[in-house]
Amino acid sequence: MIERGQKVQNFLDNFSTKAFGKTQADAEKETVCMFCGGKIIGFTDELSRKEYSISGMCQKCQDEMEWE
């Protein structure tokens, strides 16, 4: 998981718990996606792996996301 300041991390943990029922740290421990809850299998490249450390999204969810 990416290093963040404590206030930012507290905000993100609170938000993700309300939105998804768990913190990103919990999802990483369980090796599941924050968005779909699916098991993390792997990533196509290092950029996708880095995105997972930021957003908690699996490769499938990243691929389906419309990035603008």
Protein backbone atom coordinates (compact mmCIF):
# COMPACT_ATOMS: atom_id res chain seq x y z
CA MET A 1 0.00 0.00 0.00
CA ILE A 2 1.18 3.52 -0.75
CA GLU A 3 2.46 5.63 2.17
CA ARG A 4 0.13 8.51 3.12
CA GLY A 5 -0.10 10.99 5.96
CA GLN A 6 -2.15 9.81 8.95
CA LYS A 7 -5.01 12.30 8.40
CA VAL A 8 -5.33 11.31 4.75
CA GLN A 9 -5.18 7.60 5.63
CA ASN A 10 -7.85 8.02 8.32
CA PHE A 11 -10.12 9.79 5.84
CA LEU A 12 -9.60 7.09 3.18
CA ASP A 13 -10.14 4.27 5.68
CA ASN A 14 -13.35 5.88 6.90
CA PHE A 15 -14.59 6.48 3.35
CA SER A 16 -13.75 2.99 2.07
CA THR A 17 -15.32 1.33 5.11
CA LYS A 18 -18.57 3.22 4.49
CA ALA A 19 -18.50 2.68 0.72
CA PHE A 20 -17.13 -0.87 0.48
CA GLY A 21 -17.37 -2.35 3.97
CA LYS A 22 -13.61 -2.64 4.49
CA THR A 23 -10.41 -0.63 4.42
CA GLN A 24 -7.92 -0.98 1.60
CA ALA A 25 -5.49 -2.58 4.04
CA ASP A 26 -8.12 -5.21 4.88
CA ALA A 27 -8.72 -5.85 1.16
CA GLU A 28 -4.98 -6.23 0.57
CA LYS A 29 -4.70 -8.72 3.44
CA GLU A 30 -7.56 -10.72 1.91
CA THR A 31 -6.10 -10.16 -1.60
CA VAL A 32 -9.45 -8.96 -2.93
CA CYS A 33 -10.53 -5.98 -5.04
CA MET A 34 -12.00 -2.98 -3.21
CA PHE A 35 -14.61 -2.51 -5.94
CA CYS A 36 -15.84 -5.95 -7.04
CA GLY A 37 -14.60 -8.08 -4.13
CA GLY A 38 -12.99 -10.53 -6.55
CA LYS A 39 -9.72 -12.30 -5.78
CA ILE A 40 -6.56 -10.52 -6.97
CA ILE A 41 -4.92 -12.84 -9.48
CA GLY A 42 -2.31 -10.65 -11.13
CA PHE A 43 -1.65 -7.52 -13.15
CA THR A 44 -0.70 -6.94 -16.76
CA ASP A 45 2.09 -4.49 -15.97
CA GLU A 46 3.82 -2.49 -13.26
CA LEU A 47 1.55 0.53 -13.81
CA SER A 48 -1.52 -1.61 -13.08
CA ARG A 49 0.16 -2.98 -9.95
CA LYS A 50 0.88 0.61 -8.84
CA GLU A 51 -2.75 1.59 -9.51
CA TYR A 52 -3.85 -1.26 -7.25
CA SER A 53 -1.69 0.15 -4.45
CA ILE A 54 -3.47 3.49 -4.88
CA SER A 55 -7.07 2.51 -5.59
CA GLY A 56 -7.38 -1.14 -4.58
CA MET A 57 -8.83 -2.05 -8.00
CA CYS A 58 -8.11 -5.43 -9.57
CA GLN A 59 -6.97 -5.69 -13.19
CA LYS A 60 -10.52 -6.38 -14.44
CA CYS A 61 -11.95 -3.29 -12.69
CA GLN A 62 -9.05 -1.16 -13.93
CA ASP A 63 -9.68 -2.37 -17.48
CA GLU A 64 -13.40 -1.57 -17.20
CA MET A 65 -12.81 1.89 -15.71
CA GLU A 66 -13.19 4.80 -18.10
CA TRP A 67 -10.10 6.92 -17.44
CA GLU A 68 -10.34 10.43 -18.77
